[in-house]
């Protein structure tokens, strides 16, 4: 466990974190919502370790973090114009888009489904990591499955994950504190969020009601 608090410390940590990714290791890093526990998304064996450490059911897909929207074409076989508009409007940021997966995307990543969840995080540490790594990172939250997702180094369940597993302590590097807590939208504010999405799409949208 190595906490990094200054830009210089973060800069020194990134190459080390990338090296762990290359070696099929796991890394803990911040996004603008929660801490993620990540592995090279293109390496099925590495991604499988996330499931082992978290105790995550194999049928639960993981989000793939991209450095840039241009990588969409590498992971999705169909990218509608509406999706491109959403990506231009909300990426980088806390928006996950689910698309039909491209040929070659591992079942481990998608939980055996025909779709893949993609996101371009805005946190500067996540951005620096993804750009330096040169590969997308599969990263669910850094906690035991079924527990609260971590938003700070002091409270995250990833600490328990690391201490209870002999296989990964040396491979996980929390590199910074998220800049803001996760955003939540009370029901009263949901309409403004929907309006922003609809404005970005510039087309009618059918919204199911339960």
N, C-alpha and C. Protein backbone atom coordinates (compact mmCIF):
# COMPACT_ATOMS: atom_id res chain seq x y z
N UNK A 1 0.84 -1.19 0.00
CA UNK A 1 0.00 0.00 0.00
C UNK A 1 0.88 1.24 0.00
N UNK A 2 0.85 1.99 -1.08
CA UNK A 2 1.68 3.18 -1.17
C UNK A 2 0.81 4.38 -1.53
N UNK A 3 0.50 5.26 -0.57
CA UNK A 3 -0.34 6.43 -0.88
C UNK A 3 0.48 7.51 -1.57
N UNK A 4 -0.07 8.13 -2.61
CA UNK A 4 0.60 9.20 -3.32
C UNK A 4 -0.27 10.45 -3.24
N UNK A 5 0.32 11.55 -2.79
CA UNK A 5 -0.47 12.74 -2.54
C UNK A 5 -0.07 13.94 -3.39
N UNK A 6 1.11 13.96 -3.98
CA UNK A 6 1.55 15.10 -4.76
C UNK A 6 1.68 14.71 -6.22
N UNK A 7 1.64 15.70 -7.13
CA UNK A 7 1.80 15.39 -8.56
C UNK A 7 3.09 14.65 -8.86
N UNK A 8 4.17 15.01 -8.19
CA UNK A 8 5.44 14.32 -8.43
C UNK A 8 5.37 12.85 -8.04
N UNK A 9 4.73 12.59 -6.89
CA UNK A 9 4.59 11.21 -6.44
C UNK A 9 3.71 10.40 -7.40
N UNK A 10 2.66 11.04 -7.90
CA UNK A 10 1.79 10.38 -8.87
C UNK A 10 2.57 10.08 -10.14
N UNK A 11 3.37 11.07 -10.59
CA UNK A 11 4.15 10.87 -11.80
C UNK A 11 5.12 9.71 -11.68
N UNK A 12 5.70 9.55 -10.51
CA UNK A 12 6.62 8.44 -10.30
C UNK A 12 5.89 7.11 -10.18
N UNK A 13 4.64 7.15 -9.72
CA UNK A 13 3.88 5.92 -9.50
C UNK A 13 3.34 5.33 -10.80
N UNK A 14 3.04 6.18 -11.78
CA UNK A 14 2.39 5.70 -13.00
C UNK A 14 3.21 4.63 -13.73
N UNK A 15 4.51 4.85 -13.99
CA UNK A 15 5.27 3.80 -14.69
C UNK A 15 5.29 2.48 -13.93
N UNK A 16 5.36 2.55 -12.60
CA UNK A 16 5.35 1.34 -11.79
C UNK A 16 4.02 0.62 -11.93
N UNK A 17 2.92 1.39 -11.92
CA UNK A 17 1.59 0.80 -12.07
C UNK A 17 1.45 0.15 -13.44
N UNK A 18 1.96 0.80 -14.47
CA UNK A 18 1.89 0.24 -15.82
C UNK A 18 2.68 -1.06 -15.90
N UNK A 19 3.81 -1.10 -15.25
CA UNK A 19 4.61 -2.33 -15.23
C UNK A 19 3.83 -3.48 -14.61
N UNK A 20 3.09 -3.20 -13.56
CA UNK A 20 2.26 -4.23 -12.93
C UNK A 20 1.18 -4.72 -13.89
N UNK A 21 0.60 -3.80 -14.64
CA UNK A 21 -0.42 -4.19 -15.61
C UNK A 21 0.17 -5.14 -16.65
N UNK A 22 1.33 -4.79 -17.16
CA UNK A 22 2.00 -5.62 -18.17
C UNK A 22 2.28 -7.01 -17.64
N UNK A 23 2.56 -7.10 -16.36
CA UNK A 23 2.88 -8.39 -15.73
C UNK A 23 1.63 -9.11 -15.21
N UNK A 24 0.47 -8.71 -15.71
CA UNK A 24 -0.81 -9.31 -15.32
C UNK A 24 -1.17 -9.02 -13.87
N UNK A 25 -0.62 -7.94 -13.33
CA UNK A 25 -0.94 -7.57 -11.95
C UNK A 25 -2.20 -6.73 -11.87
N UNK A 26 -2.64 -6.48 -10.65
CA UNK A 26 -3.79 -5.63 -10.39
C UNK A 26 -3.33 -4.32 -9.77
N UNK A 27 -4.05 -3.25 -10.10
CA UNK A 27 -3.73 -1.95 -9.53
C UNK A 27 -5.01 -1.30 -9.03
N UNK A 28 -4.90 -0.57 -7.93
CA UNK A 28 -6.03 0.21 -7.43
C UNK A 28 -5.76 1.67 -7.76
N UNK A 29 -6.74 2.32 -8.37
CA UNK A 29 -6.53 3.71 -8.77
C UNK A 29 -7.84 4.48 -8.69
N UNK A 30 -7.77 5.82 -8.58
CA UNK A 30 -8.98 6.61 -8.41
C UNK A 30 -9.63 6.98 -9.75
N UNK A 31 -10.93 7.05 -9.74
CA UNK A 31 -11.67 7.71 -10.81
C UNK A 31 -12.45 8.84 -10.16
N UNK A 32 -13.24 9.55 -10.94
CA UNK A 32 -14.00 10.66 -10.36
C UNK A 32 -15.19 10.18 -9.55
N UNK A 33 -15.43 8.88 -9.53
CA UNK A 33 -16.54 8.33 -8.73
C UNK A 33 -16.00 7.49 -7.57
N UNK A 34 -15.44 6.32 -7.86
CA UNK A 34 -14.90 5.45 -6.82
C UNK A 34 -13.51 4.96 -7.21
N UNK A 35 -12.85 4.27 -6.28
CA UNK A 35 -11.59 3.61 -6.61
C UNK A 35 -11.90 2.35 -7.41
N UNK A 36 -11.07 2.10 -8.42
CA UNK A 36 -11.23 0.90 -9.22
C UNK A 36 -10.10 -0.08 -8.96
N UNK A 37 -10.40 -1.36 -9.12
CA UNK A 37 -9.38 -2.41 -9.05
C UNK A 37 -9.20 -2.91 -10.48
N UNK A 38 -8.06 -2.56 -11.08
CA UNK A 38 -7.93 -2.74 -12.52
C UNK A 38 -6.91 -3.76 -12.97
N UNK A 39 -7.14 -4.25 -14.19
CA UNK A 39 -6.23 -5.16 -14.87
C UNK A 39 -6.29 -4.85 -16.36
N UNK A 40 -5.27 -5.27 -17.08
CA UNK A 40 -5.23 -5.11 -18.53
C UNK A 40 -6.48 -5.77 -19.12
N UNK A 41 -7.36 -4.98 -19.72
CA UNK A 41 -8.63 -5.50 -20.22
C UNK A 41 -8.45 -6.45 -21.40
N UNK A 42 -7.31 -6.38 -22.06
CA UNK A 42 -7.07 -7.25 -23.20
C UNK A 42 -6.48 -8.59 -22.80
N UNK A 43 -6.23 -8.77 -21.51
CA UNK A 43 -5.61 -10.00 -21.01
C UNK A 43 -6.62 -10.73 -20.11
N UNK A 44 -7.21 -11.79 -20.64
CA UNK A 44 -8.26 -12.51 -19.91
C UNK A 44 -7.77 -13.06 -18.58
N UNK A 45 -6.54 -13.56 -18.56
CA UNK A 45 -6.00 -14.12 -17.32
C UNK A 45 -5.88 -13.05 -16.24
N UNK A 46 -5.45 -11.86 -16.64
CA UNK A 46 -5.32 -10.76 -15.68
C UNK A 46 -6.69 -10.33 -15.16
N UNK A 47 -7.66 -10.22 -16.06
CA UNK A 47 -9.01 -9.81 -15.65
C UNK A 47 -9.62 -10.85 -14.72
N UNK A 48 -9.33 -12.11 -14.97
CA UNK A 48 -9.86 -13.18 -14.13
C UNK A 48 -9.40 -13.02 -12.68
N UNK A 49 -8.23 -12.45 -12.48
CA UNK A 49 -7.71 -12.25 -11.12
C UNK A 49 -8.57 -11.25 -10.35
N UNK A 50 -9.15 -10.28 -11.06
CA UNK A 50 -10.06 -9.33 -10.40
C UNK A 50 -11.21 -10.08 -9.75
N UNK A 51 -11.78 -11.01 -10.49
CA UNK A 51 -12.91 -11.79 -9.98
C UNK A 51 -12.49 -12.64 -8.78
N UNK A 52 -11.30 -13.20 -8.86
CA UNK A 52 -10.81 -14.04 -7.76
C UNK A 52 -10.62 -13.23 -6.49
N UNK A 53 -10.02 -12.06 -6.62
CA UNK A 53 -9.72 -11.24 -5.45
C UNK A 53 -10.98 -10.64 -4.84
N UNK A 54 -11.90 -10.17 -5.68
CA UNK A 54 -13.12 -9.54 -5.19
C UNK A 54 -14.17 -10.55 -4.74
N UNK A 55 -14.03 -11.81 -5.18
CA UNK A 55 -15.11 -12.76 -4.94
C UNK A 55 -16.31 -12.41 -5.80
N UNK A 56 -16.05 -11.93 -7.00
CA UNK A 56 -17.09 -11.45 -7.91
C UNK A 56 -17.62 -12.60 -8.75
N UNK A 57 -18.93 -12.73 -8.88
CA UNK A 57 -19.50 -13.79 -9.73
C UNK A 57 -19.03 -13.63 -11.17
N UNK A 58 -18.71 -14.74 -11.82
CA UNK A 58 -18.18 -14.70 -13.18
C UNK A 58 -19.16 -14.11 -14.18
N UNK A 59 -20.45 -14.17 -13.88
CA UNK A 59 -21.45 -13.66 -14.80
C UNK A 59 -21.63 -12.15 -14.72
N UNK A 60 -20.92 -11.50 -13.79
CA UNK A 60 -21.04 -10.05 -13.64
C UNK A 60 -19.98 -9.36 -14.49
N UNK A 61 -20.35 -8.66 -15.54
CA UNK A 61 -19.36 -7.99 -16.39
C UNK A 61 -18.65 -6.85 -15.66
N UNK A 62 -17.51 -6.44 -16.20
CA UNK A 62 -16.76 -5.32 -15.63
C UNK A 62 -16.69 -4.19 -16.66
N UNK A 63 -16.55 -2.98 -16.17
CA UNK A 63 -16.42 -1.82 -17.05
C UNK A 63 -15.01 -1.75 -17.59
N UNK A 64 -14.89 -1.42 -18.88
CA UNK A 64 -13.59 -1.23 -19.49
C UNK A 64 -13.32 0.28 -19.60
N UNK A 65 -12.25 0.72 -18.97
CA UNK A 65 -11.86 2.13 -19.01
C UNK A 65 -10.96 2.39 -20.21
N UNK A 66 -11.32 3.37 -21.01
CA UNK A 66 -10.56 3.75 -22.19
C UNK A 66 -9.85 5.08 -21.95
N UNK A 67 -8.76 5.28 -22.66
CA UNK A 67 -8.05 6.56 -22.56
C UNK A 67 -8.70 7.62 -23.43
N UNK A 68 -9.34 7.17 -24.51
CA UNK A 68 -9.87 8.11 -25.51
C UNK A 68 -11.06 7.48 -26.22
N UNK A 69 -12.06 8.29 -26.60
CA UNK A 69 -13.22 7.73 -27.30
C UNK A 69 -12.88 7.03 -28.62
N UNK A 70 -11.75 7.36 -29.21
CA UNK A 70 -11.39 6.71 -30.48
C UNK A 70 -11.22 5.20 -30.31
N UNK A 71 -11.00 4.76 -29.06
CA UNK A 71 -10.83 3.33 -28.81
C UNK A 71 -12.14 2.55 -28.82
N UNK A 72 -13.24 3.26 -28.93
CA UNK A 72 -14.54 2.60 -28.99
C UNK A 72 -14.58 1.53 -30.08
N UNK A 73 -14.02 1.85 -31.23
CA UNK A 73 -14.07 0.94 -32.37
C UNK A 73 -13.32 -0.36 -32.11
N UNK A 74 -12.39 -0.36 -31.16
CA UNK A 74 -11.65 -1.58 -30.83
C UNK A 74 -12.46 -2.52 -29.95
N UNK A 75 -13.51 -1.99 -29.30
CA UNK A 75 -14.23 -2.77 -28.30
C UNK A 75 -15.70 -2.98 -28.63
N UNK A 76 -16.23 -2.19 -29.54
CA UNK A 76 -17.65 -2.31 -29.92
C UNK A 76 -17.77 -2.48 -31.43
N UNK A 77 -18.67 -3.38 -31.83
CA UNK A 77 -18.81 -3.63 -33.26
C UNK A 77 -19.84 -2.71 -33.93
N UNK A 78 -20.67 -2.09 -33.13
CA UNK A 78 -21.66 -1.14 -33.64
C UNK A 78 -21.63 0.11 -32.77
N UNK A 79 -21.40 1.27 -33.40
CA UNK A 79 -21.36 2.53 -32.65
C UNK A 79 -22.33 3.51 -33.31
N UNK A 80 -23.56 3.56 -32.83
CA UNK A 80 -24.56 4.47 -33.42
C UNK A 80 -24.13 5.93 -33.29
N UNK A 81 -24.65 6.77 -34.18
CA UNK A 81 -24.33 8.20 -34.12
C UNK A 81 -24.72 8.80 -32.77
N UNK A 82 -25.81 8.31 -32.19
CA UNK A 82 -26.26 8.83 -30.89
C UNK A 82 -25.20 8.58 -29.82
N UNK A 83 -24.55 7.43 -29.89
CA UNK A 83 -23.50 7.11 -28.93
C UNK A 83 -22.30 8.04 -29.11
N UNK A 84 -21.95 8.33 -30.33
CA UNK A 84 -20.83 9.25 -30.58
C UNK A 84 -21.15 10.64 -30.04
N UNK A 85 -22.40 11.05 -30.14
CA UNK A 85 -22.78 12.35 -29.59
C UNK A 85 -22.68 12.36 -28.07
N UNK A 86 -23.11 11.27 -27.46
CA UNK A 86 -23.00 11.17 -26.00
C UNK A 86 -21.54 11.19 -25.56
N UNK A 87 -20.69 10.49 -26.29
CA UNK A 87 -19.28 10.44 -25.95
C UNK A 87 -18.64 11.82 -26.06
N UNK A 88 -19.00 12.55 -27.11
CA UNK A 88 -18.44 13.90 -27.27
C UNK A 88 -18.89 14.82 -26.15
N UNK A 89 -20.11 14.63 -25.69
CA UNK A 89 -20.67 15.52 -24.67
C UNK A 89 -20.19 15.18 -23.27
N UNK A 90 -20.13 13.88 -22.94
CA UNK A 90 -19.94 13.49 -21.55
C UNK A 90 -18.61 12.80 -21.25
N UNK A 91 -17.80 12.53 -22.23
CA UNK A 91 -16.49 11.92 -22.00
C UNK A 91 -15.38 12.94 -22.19
N UNK A 92 -14.35 12.92 -21.37
CA UNK A 92 -14.18 12.09 -20.18
C UNK A 92 -15.21 12.45 -19.11
N UNK A 93 -15.64 11.44 -18.36
CA UNK A 93 -16.60 11.68 -17.30
C UNK A 93 -17.26 10.39 -16.84
N UNK A 94 -18.13 10.49 -15.83
CA UNK A 94 -18.73 9.31 -15.20
C UNK A 94 -19.92 8.74 -15.97
N UNK A 95 -19.74 8.54 -17.27
CA UNK A 95 -20.79 7.95 -18.10
C UNK A 95 -20.30 6.62 -18.65
N UNK A 96 -21.05 5.56 -18.39
CA UNK A 96 -20.73 4.25 -18.94
C UNK A 96 -21.72 3.94 -20.07
N UNK A 97 -21.18 3.56 -21.20
CA UNK A 97 -22.00 3.24 -22.38
C UNK A 97 -21.88 1.74 -22.66
N UNK A 98 -23.01 1.10 -22.84
CA UNK A 98 -23.04 -0.34 -23.11
C UNK A 98 -23.36 -0.58 -24.58
N UNK A 99 -22.46 -1.28 -25.24
CA UNK A 99 -22.59 -1.54 -26.68
C UNK A 99 -22.36 -3.01 -26.98
N UNK A 100 -22.73 -3.43 -28.19
CA UNK A 100 -22.45 -4.79 -28.61
C UNK A 100 -20.94 -4.95 -28.76
N UNK A 101 -20.41 -5.98 -28.14
CA UNK A 101 -18.96 -6.12 -28.08
C UNK A 101 -18.37 -6.49 -29.43
N UNK A 102 -17.13 -6.07 -29.62
CA UNK A 102 -16.40 -6.41 -30.84
C UNK A 102 -15.91 -7.85 -30.77
N UNK A 103 -15.61 -8.40 -31.93
CA UNK A 103 -15.04 -9.74 -31.99
C UNK A 103 -13.71 -9.75 -31.25
N UNK A 104 -13.51 -10.74 -30.41
CA UNK A 104 -12.25 -10.84 -29.69
C UNK A 104 -12.31 -10.33 -28.27
N UNK A 105 -13.37 -9.61 -27.92
CA UNK A 105 -13.51 -9.16 -26.53
C UNK A 105 -13.84 -10.38 -25.66
N UNK A 106 -13.09 -10.56 -24.61
CA UNK A 106 -13.18 -11.77 -23.80
C UNK A 106 -14.50 -11.91 -23.05
N UNK A 107 -14.96 -13.16 -22.93
CA UNK A 107 -16.13 -13.46 -22.11
C UNK A 107 -15.89 -13.11 -20.65
N UNK A 108 -14.64 -13.13 -20.23
CA UNK A 108 -14.32 -12.79 -18.84
C UNK A 108 -14.71 -11.34 -18.56
N UNK A 109 -14.46 -10.47 -19.51
CA UNK A 109 -14.78 -9.05 -19.37
C UNK A 109 -16.28 -8.82 -19.40
N UNK A 110 -16.97 -9.51 -20.28
CA UNK A 110 -18.41 -9.25 -20.50
C UNK A 110 -19.33 -10.13 -19.68
N UNK A 111 -18.77 -11.04 -18.91
CA UNK A 111 -19.60 -11.97 -18.16
C UNK A 111 -20.36 -12.92 -19.07
N UNK A 112 -19.80 -13.15 -20.27
CA UNK A 112 -20.43 -14.05 -21.22
C UNK A 112 -21.55 -13.41 -22.03
N UNK A 113 -21.77 -12.12 -21.84
CA UNK A 113 -22.83 -11.43 -22.57
C UNK A 113 -22.31 -10.92 -23.91
N UNK A 114 -23.25 -10.48 -24.76
CA UNK A 114 -22.88 -9.99 -26.09
C UNK A 114 -22.62 -8.50 -26.09
N UNK A 115 -22.60 -7.89 -24.90
CA UNK A 115 -22.37 -6.45 -24.79
C UNK A 115 -21.16 -6.18 -23.91
N UNK A 116 -20.63 -4.97 -24.05
CA UNK A 116 -19.48 -4.56 -23.24
C UNK A 116 -19.74 -3.16 -22.72
N UNK A 117 -19.35 -2.89 -21.46
CA UNK A 117 -19.53 -1.59 -20.83
C UNK A 117 -18.24 -0.78 -20.96
N UNK A 118 -18.35 0.44 -21.50
CA UNK A 118 -17.18 1.25 -21.80
C UNK A 118 -17.31 2.65 -21.18
N UNK A 119 -16.16 3.19 -20.77
CA UNK A 119 -16.15 4.49 -20.12
C UNK A 119 -14.79 5.15 -20.32
N UNK A 120 -14.76 6.48 -20.40
CA UNK A 120 -13.52 7.25 -20.40
C UNK A 120 -13.51 8.09 -19.14
N UNK A 121 -12.80 7.67 -18.10
CA UNK A 121 -12.82 8.42 -16.83
C UNK A 121 -12.13 9.77 -16.95
N UNK A 122 -12.58 10.71 -16.14
CA UNK A 122 -12.03 12.07 -16.19
C UNK A 122 -10.94 12.34 -15.16
N UNK A 123 -10.83 11.50 -14.15
CA UNK A 123 -9.84 11.76 -13.10
C UNK A 123 -8.44 11.83 -13.73
N UNK A 124 -7.65 12.85 -13.39
CA UNK A 124 -6.33 13.01 -14.02
C UNK A 124 -5.39 11.83 -13.81
N UNK A 125 -5.49 11.15 -12.66
CA UNK A 125 -4.63 10.00 -12.43
C UNK A 125 -5.06 8.84 -13.32
N UNK A 126 -6.36 8.62 -13.43
CA UNK A 126 -6.86 7.56 -14.31
C UNK A 126 -6.47 7.86 -15.75
N UNK A 127 -6.59 9.11 -16.16
CA UNK A 127 -6.21 9.48 -17.53
C UNK A 127 -4.72 9.24 -17.78
N UNK A 128 -3.90 9.65 -16.82
CA UNK A 128 -2.45 9.47 -16.98
C UNK A 128 -2.10 8.00 -17.05
N UNK A 129 -2.73 7.19 -16.22
CA UNK A 129 -2.48 5.76 -16.20
C UNK A 129 -2.86 5.12 -17.53
N UNK A 130 -4.05 5.42 -18.02
CA UNK A 130 -4.54 4.80 -19.25
C UNK A 130 -3.70 5.21 -20.46
N UNK A 131 -3.29 6.46 -20.51
CA UNK A 131 -2.48 6.92 -21.64
C UNK A 131 -1.10 6.31 -21.61
N UNK A 132 -0.52 6.19 -20.43
CA UNK A 132 0.81 5.60 -20.29
C UNK A 132 0.77 4.10 -20.57
N UNK A 133 -0.29 3.44 -20.13
CA UNK A 133 -0.39 1.99 -20.30
C UNK A 133 -0.55 1.60 -21.75
N UNK A 134 -1.32 2.40 -22.50
CA UNK A 134 -1.53 2.07 -23.91
C UNK A 134 -2.54 0.97 -24.12
N UNK A 135 -3.16 0.49 -23.05
CA UNK A 135 -4.20 -0.53 -23.15
C UNK A 135 -5.36 -0.12 -22.25
N UNK A 136 -6.59 -0.46 -22.63
CA UNK A 136 -7.73 -0.22 -21.74
C UNK A 136 -7.60 -1.05 -20.47
N UNK A 137 -8.21 -0.57 -19.41
CA UNK A 137 -8.14 -1.25 -18.12
C UNK A 137 -9.54 -1.65 -17.67
N UNK A 138 -9.72 -2.93 -17.40
CA UNK A 138 -10.98 -3.42 -16.83
C UNK A 138 -10.95 -3.13 -15.35
N UNK A 139 -11.96 -2.42 -14.84
CA UNK A 139 -11.87 -1.99 -13.44
C UNK A 139 -13.24 -1.83 -12.79
N UNK A 140 -13.70 -2.84 -12.07
CA UNK A 140 -14.83 -2.65 -11.17
C UNK A 140 -14.34 -1.93 -9.92
N UNK A 141 -15.20 -1.65 -8.99
CA UNK A 141 -14.79 -0.96 -7.77
C UNK A 141 -13.85 -1.83 -6.92
N UNK A 142 -12.96 -1.17 -6.20
CA UNK A 142 -11.91 -1.86 -5.44
C UNK A 142 -12.40 -2.27 -4.06
N UNK A 143 -13.32 -3.20 -4.03
CA UNK A 143 -13.88 -3.70 -2.77
C UNK A 143 -14.32 -5.14 -2.96
N UNK A 144 -14.56 -5.82 -1.85
CA UNK A 144 -15.15 -7.14 -1.93
C UNK A 144 -16.54 -7.04 -2.52
N UNK A 145 -16.91 -7.97 -3.37
CA UNK A 145 -18.25 -7.95 -3.96
C UNK A 145 -19.30 -7.98 -2.86
N UNK A 146 -20.29 -7.10 -3.00
CA UNK A 146 -21.36 -7.03 -2.01
C UNK A 146 -21.14 -6.01 -0.92
N UNK A 147 -19.95 -5.37 -0.91
CA UNK A 147 -19.68 -4.33 0.10
C UNK A 147 -19.72 -2.97 -0.57
N UNK A 148 -19.65 -1.92 0.24
CA UNK A 148 -19.78 -0.55 -0.27
C UNK A 148 -18.57 -0.19 -1.14
N UNK A 149 -18.84 0.45 -2.27
CA UNK A 149 -17.76 0.88 -3.16
C UNK A 149 -16.94 1.98 -2.50
N UNK A 150 -15.61 1.92 -2.60
CA UNK A 150 -14.74 2.87 -1.89
C UNK A 150 -14.59 4.20 -2.61
N UNK A 151 -14.68 5.28 -1.85
CA UNK A 151 -14.50 6.62 -2.41
C UNK A 151 -13.30 7.35 -1.83
N UNK A 152 -12.69 6.82 -0.77
CA UNK A 152 -11.49 7.41 -0.19
C UNK A 152 -10.52 6.30 0.17
N UNK A 153 -9.21 6.60 0.23
CA UNK A 153 -8.25 5.57 0.61
C UNK A 153 -8.49 5.04 2.01
N UNK A 154 -8.95 5.90 2.92
CA UNK A 154 -9.10 5.50 4.32
C UNK A 154 -10.25 4.52 4.52
N UNK A 155 -11.28 4.61 3.69
CA UNK A 155 -12.47 3.80 3.93
C UNK A 155 -12.62 2.64 2.95
N UNK A 156 -11.83 2.61 1.90
CA UNK A 156 -12.13 1.63 0.86
C UNK A 156 -11.88 0.19 1.32
N UNK A 157 -12.74 -0.67 0.90
CA UNK A 157 -12.65 -2.08 1.24
C UNK A 157 -11.48 -2.75 0.55
N UNK A 158 -10.85 -2.04 -0.40
CA UNK A 158 -9.68 -2.62 -1.08
C UNK A 158 -8.59 -2.95 -0.07
N UNK A 159 -8.52 -2.20 1.02
CA UNK A 159 -7.52 -2.49 2.05
C UNK A 159 -7.72 -3.92 2.54
N UNK A 160 -8.96 -4.29 2.80
CA UNK A 160 -9.25 -5.65 3.23
C UNK A 160 -8.94 -6.67 2.15
N UNK A 161 -9.20 -6.30 0.90
CA UNK A 161 -8.90 -7.20 -0.21
C UNK A 161 -7.41 -7.50 -0.24
N UNK A 162 -6.61 -6.47 -0.08
CA UNK A 162 -5.17 -6.65 -0.17
C UNK A 162 -4.64 -7.48 0.99
N UNK A 163 -5.09 -7.16 2.19
CA UNK A 163 -4.53 -7.82 3.38
C UNK A 163 -4.95 -9.28 3.49
N UNK A 164 -6.05 -9.63 2.83
CA UNK A 164 -6.52 -11.00 2.95
C UNK A 164 -6.07 -11.87 1.79
N UNK A 165 -5.33 -11.30 0.85
CA UNK A 165 -4.87 -12.08 -0.30
C UNK A 165 -3.36 -12.02 -0.38
N UNK A 166 -2.72 -13.17 -0.35
CA UNK A 166 -1.26 -13.21 -0.42
C UNK A 166 -0.75 -13.01 -1.84
N UNK A 167 -1.67 -13.09 -2.81
CA UNK A 167 -1.21 -13.11 -4.20
C UNK A 167 -1.02 -11.74 -4.82
N UNK A 168 -1.56 -10.66 -4.19
CA UNK A 168 -1.50 -9.40 -4.91
C UNK A 168 -1.00 -8.16 -4.17
N UNK A 169 -0.61 -8.22 -2.89
CA UNK A 169 -0.24 -6.96 -2.23
C UNK A 169 0.80 -6.16 -2.98
N UNK A 170 1.77 -6.83 -3.58
CA UNK A 170 2.83 -6.10 -4.26
C UNK A 170 2.39 -5.57 -5.62
N UNK A 171 1.19 -5.95 -6.08
CA UNK A 171 0.79 -5.55 -7.42
C UNK A 171 -0.26 -4.46 -7.44
N UNK A 172 -0.70 -4.00 -6.29
CA UNK A 172 -1.74 -2.98 -6.26
C UNK A 172 -1.17 -1.67 -5.76
N UNK A 173 -1.43 -0.62 -6.51
CA UNK A 173 -0.89 0.68 -6.15
C UNK A 173 -1.99 1.73 -6.17
N UNK A 174 -2.52 2.12 -5.00
CA UNK A 174 -3.46 3.23 -4.98
C UNK A 174 -2.68 4.52 -5.24
N UNK A 175 -3.04 5.28 -6.25
CA UNK A 175 -2.17 6.37 -6.66
C UNK A 175 -2.64 7.76 -6.28
N UNK A 176 -3.89 7.93 -5.88
CA UNK A 176 -4.32 9.26 -5.48
C UNK A 176 -5.74 9.21 -4.93
N UNK A 177 -6.14 10.24 -4.25
CA UNK A 177 -7.51 10.35 -3.74
C UNK A 177 -8.41 10.90 -4.85
N UNK A 178 -9.63 10.35 -5.03
CA UNK A 178 -10.54 10.93 -6.01
C UNK A 178 -10.76 12.41 -5.72
N UNK A 179 -10.90 13.20 -6.77
CA UNK A 179 -11.04 14.64 -6.59
C UNK A 179 -12.38 15.03 -6.00
N UNK A 180 -13.41 14.26 -6.27
CA UNK A 180 -14.73 14.55 -5.73
C UNK A 180 -15.43 13.26 -5.35
N UNK A 181 -16.39 13.32 -4.43
CA UNK A 181 -17.18 12.12 -4.12
C UNK A 181 -18.07 11.80 -5.30
N UNK A 182 -18.61 10.59 -5.36
CA UNK A 182 -19.48 10.24 -6.47
C UNK A 182 -20.72 11.12 -6.50
N UNK A 183 -21.18 11.42 -7.72
CA UNK A 183 -22.36 12.25 -7.88
C UNK A 183 -23.62 11.40 -7.78
N UNK A 184 -24.57 11.85 -6.99
CA UNK A 184 -25.86 11.18 -6.91
C UNK A 184 -26.94 12.17 -7.31
N UNK A 185 -28.01 11.69 -7.90
CA UNK A 185 -29.07 12.55 -8.36
C UNK A 185 -30.39 12.18 -7.67
N UNK A 186 -30.84 13.04 -6.74
CA UNK A 186 -32.17 12.80 -6.15
C UNK A 186 -33.22 12.81 -7.25
N UNK A 187 -34.38 12.21 -6.97
CA UNK A 187 -35.43 12.13 -7.98
C UNK A 187 -35.79 13.50 -8.52
N UNK A 188 -35.79 14.50 -7.65
CA UNK A 188 -36.17 15.85 -8.08
C UNK A 188 -35.22 16.43 -9.09
N UNK A 189 -33.96 15.95 -9.11
CA UNK A 189 -32.97 16.50 -10.02
C UNK A 189 -32.79 15.64 -11.27
N UNK A 190 -33.46 14.51 -11.31
CA UNK A 190 -33.24 13.58 -12.42
C UNK A 190 -33.64 14.18 -13.75
N UNK A 191 -34.67 15.03 -13.75
CA UNK A 191 -35.15 15.58 -15.01
C UNK A 191 -34.10 16.43 -15.69
N UNK A 192 -33.30 17.19 -14.91
CA UNK A 192 -32.26 18.02 -15.50
C UNK A 192 -31.16 17.17 -16.11
N UNK A 193 -30.86 16.05 -15.46
CA UNK A 193 -29.87 15.13 -16.02
C UNK A 193 -30.37 14.53 -17.32
N UNK A 194 -31.63 14.10 -17.33
CA UNK A 194 -32.22 13.56 -18.55
C UNK A 194 -32.21 14.59 -19.66
N UNK A 195 -32.47 15.85 -19.32
CA UNK A 195 -32.49 16.91 -20.33
C UNK A 195 -31.13 17.06 -20.99
N UNK A 196 -30.06 16.95 -20.18
CA UNK A 196 -28.71 17.07 -20.74
C UNK A 196 -28.43 15.94 -21.72
N UNK A 197 -28.87 14.72 -21.35
CA UNK A 197 -28.67 13.58 -22.24
C UNK A 197 -29.46 13.76 -23.53
N UNK A 198 -30.72 14.16 -23.39
CA UNK A 198 -31.56 14.35 -24.57
C UNK A 198 -31.02 15.44 -25.48
N UNK A 199 -30.50 16.50 -24.87
CA UNK A 199 -29.91 17.58 -25.65
C UNK A 199 -28.70 17.09 -26.43
N UNK A 200 -27.88 16.25 -25.80
CA UNK A 200 -26.70 15.72 -26.47
C UNK A 200 -27.09 14.80 -27.62
N UNK A 201 -28.15 14.02 -27.43
CA UNK A 201 -28.60 13.09 -28.46
C UNK A 201 -29.26 13.80 -29.63
N UNK A 202 -29.98 14.89 -29.34
CA UNK A 202 -30.69 15.65 -30.37
C UNK A 202 -31.66 14.77 -31.16
N UNK A 203 -32.29 13.84 -30.47
CA UNK A 203 -33.26 12.97 -31.13
C UNK A 203 -34.22 12.41 -30.09
N UNK A 204 -35.43 11.99 -30.52
CA UNK A 204 -36.38 11.42 -29.55
C UNK A 204 -35.84 10.16 -28.93
N UNK A 205 -36.13 9.95 -27.63
CA UNK A 205 -35.68 8.78 -26.92
C UNK A 205 -36.86 8.14 -26.19
N UNK A 206 -36.99 6.84 -26.31
CA UNK A 206 -38.04 6.12 -25.58
C UNK A 206 -37.47 5.67 -24.23
N UNK A 207 -38.08 6.10 -23.15
CA UNK A 207 -37.59 5.79 -21.80
C UNK A 207 -38.59 4.86 -21.12
N UNK A 208 -38.18 3.63 -20.77
CA UNK A 208 -39.10 2.72 -20.09
C UNK A 208 -39.44 3.20 -18.69
N UNK A 209 -40.64 2.93 -18.24
CA UNK A 209 -41.08 3.33 -16.89
C UNK A 209 -41.49 2.09 -16.14
N UNK A 210 -40.93 1.90 -14.92
CA UNK A 210 -41.27 0.76 -14.10
C UNK A 210 -42.21 1.19 -12.99
